[in-house]
């Protein structure tokens, strides 16, 4: 059994072609600021991908068994460079209906796994 867990989150991009192109550019190879990448890795995220269809994005993280989203959120809140990044990215994002105030990405619920099927 693997000690890696997968977590998925979702948010929409604002429906504006120019903003969407800029958002993609900010996430290209080497474009994310090093302190942000370092903070992601330091907090136990082993891999992270963002997928896009239209304006809908899905973030997929692979984390170790000790990863805690609340601890990661607290670490990010205390990191000025991560907060600057979050503010910038928030200008491109449109929270889904029902998203708690002040939040963009929301956790998705896994409802199916092929590994659990007979």
Protein backbone atom coordinates (compact mmCIF):
# COMPACT_ATOMS: atom_id res chain seq x y z
CA UNK A 1 0.00 0.00 0.00
CA UNK A 2 1.30 3.45 -0.94
CA UNK A 3 1.92 6.11 1.68
CA UNK A 4 0.81 8.73 -0.86
CA UNK A 5 -2.66 10.28 -0.80
CA UNK A 6 -4.26 12.25 -3.60
CA UNK A 7 -6.31 15.37 -2.84
CA UNK A 8 -8.29 17.32 -5.42
CA UNK A 9 -9.54 20.90 -5.36
CA UNK A 10 -11.47 23.03 -7.84
CA UNK A 11 -12.03 26.67 -8.76
CA UNK A 12 -13.01 28.54 -11.90
CA UNK A 13 -10.98 31.08 -13.81
CA UNK A 14 -12.68 34.32 -14.74
CA UNK A 15 -14.15 33.97 -18.22
CA UNK A 16 -11.72 36.35 -19.91
CA UNK A 17 -9.32 35.05 -22.56
CA UNK A 18 -6.58 37.54 -21.69
CA UNK A 19 -6.74 36.75 -17.97
CA UNK A 20 -6.77 33.03 -18.69
CA UNK A 21 -3.67 33.34 -20.90
CA UNK A 22 -1.87 35.30 -18.17
CA UNK A 23 -2.85 32.72 -15.54
CA UNK A 24 -1.47 29.92 -17.71
CA UNK A 25 1.74 31.89 -18.26
CA UNK A 26 2.17 32.34 -14.49
CA UNK A 27 2.02 28.54 -14.15
CA UNK A 28 4.40 27.64 -16.98
CA UNK A 29 7.73 25.88 -16.36
CA UNK A 30 9.88 28.04 -14.08
CA UNK A 31 7.26 30.81 -13.80
CA UNK A 32 5.98 30.14 -10.27
CA UNK A 33 8.15 32.09 -7.81
CA UNK A 34 10.74 29.88 -6.10
CA UNK A 35 9.57 30.78 -2.55
CA UNK A 36 6.08 29.56 -3.47
CA UNK A 37 7.42 26.29 -4.90
CA UNK A 38 9.64 25.86 -1.83
CA UNK A 39 6.64 26.39 0.49
CA UNK A 40 4.65 23.75 -1.38
CA UNK A 41 7.43 21.20 -1.11
CA UNK A 42 8.32 22.07 2.49
CA UNK A 43 4.80 21.34 3.65
CA UNK A 44 4.79 17.78 2.32
CA UNK A 45 3.21 18.12 -1.10
CA UNK A 46 5.01 15.56 -3.24
CA UNK A 47 3.42 16.50 -6.54
CA UNK A 48 0.88 19.06 -7.69
CA UNK A 49 -0.82 19.53 -11.05
CA UNK A 50 -3.52 21.90 -12.26
CA UNK A 51 -5.80 20.80 -15.09
CA UNK A 52 -8.08 23.14 -17.06
CA UNK A 53 -11.21 22.69 -19.14
CA UNK A 54 -12.91 25.88 -20.26
CA UNK A 55 -12.84 27.98 -17.11
CA UNK A 56 -12.95 25.05 -14.65
CA UNK A 57 -9.69 24.06 -12.98
CA UNK A 58 -8.88 20.96 -10.96
CA UNK A 59 -5.81 20.87 -8.74
CA UNK A 60 -4.46 17.41 -7.96
CA UNK A 61 -1.98 17.02 -5.10
CA UNK A 62 -0.11 13.95 -4.02
CA UNK A 63 0.80 14.15 -0.34
CA UNK A 64 2.33 11.97 2.33
CA UNK A 65 0.38 10.39 5.20
CA UNK A 66 1.18 13.24 7.60
CA UNK A 67 -0.05 16.04 5.35
CA UNK A 68 -2.78 18.15 6.92
CA UNK A 69 -4.61 20.83 4.87
CA UNK A 70 -5.20 22.95 7.99
CA UNK A 71 -1.51 22.96 8.85
CA UNK A 72 -0.67 23.88 5.24
CA UNK A 73 -3.20 26.74 5.33
CA UNK A 74 -1.67 28.09 8.55
CA UNK A 75 1.84 27.84 7.10
CA UNK A 76 0.72 29.68 3.96
CA UNK A 77 -1.03 32.38 6.00
CA UNK A 78 2.24 33.07 7.84
CA UNK A 79 4.30 33.28 4.64
CA UNK A 80 4.22 36.77 3.04
CA UNK A 81 5.51 35.50 -0.32
CA UNK A 82 2.79 32.87 -0.51
CA UNK A 83 0.19 35.46 0.51
CA UNK A 84 1.38 37.79 -2.27
CA UNK A 85 1.08 34.91 -4.75
CA UNK A 86 -2.41 34.02 -3.48
CA UNK A 87 -3.56 37.65 -3.85
CA UNK A 88 -2.24 37.77 -7.41
CA UNK A 89 -3.81 34.43 -8.36
CA UNK A 90 -7.10 35.50 -6.77
CA UNK A 91 -7.40 38.21 -9.41
CA UNK A 92 -7.74 35.48 -12.05
CA UNK A 93 -10.00 33.09 -10.11
CA UNK A 94 -13.77 32.98 -9.66
CA UNK A 95 -14.87 30.93 -6.62
CA UNK A 96 -17.59 28.37 -7.22
CA UNK A 97 -21.03 28.98 -5.71
CA UNK A 98 -21.09 27.97 -2.06
CA UNK A 99 -17.36 28.53 -1.55
CA UNK A 100 -16.68 29.96 1.94
CA UNK A 101 -15.91 33.67 2.01
CA UNK A 102 -12.23 34.46 1.49
CA UNK A 103 -11.51 31.10 -0.12
CA UNK A 104 -10.97 30.20 -3.77
CA UNK A 105 -9.99 26.55 -4.17
CA UNK A 106 -12.43 24.09 -2.56
CA UNK A 107 -11.80 20.44 -1.76
CA UNK A 108 -13.51 17.88 -3.94
CA UNK A 109 -15.00 14.65 -2.63
CA UNK A 110 -13.75 11.41 -4.16
CA UNK A 111 -16.78 9.30 -4.99
CA UNK A 112 -15.20 6.48 -7.02
CA UNK A 113 -11.96 4.53 -7.19
CA UNK A 114 -11.31 1.80 -9.71
CA UNK A 115 -9.00 0.15 -7.16
CA UNK A 116 -12.04 -0.44 -4.92
CA UNK A 117 -13.98 -2.27 -7.61
CA UNK A 118 -14.12 -6.03 -7.91
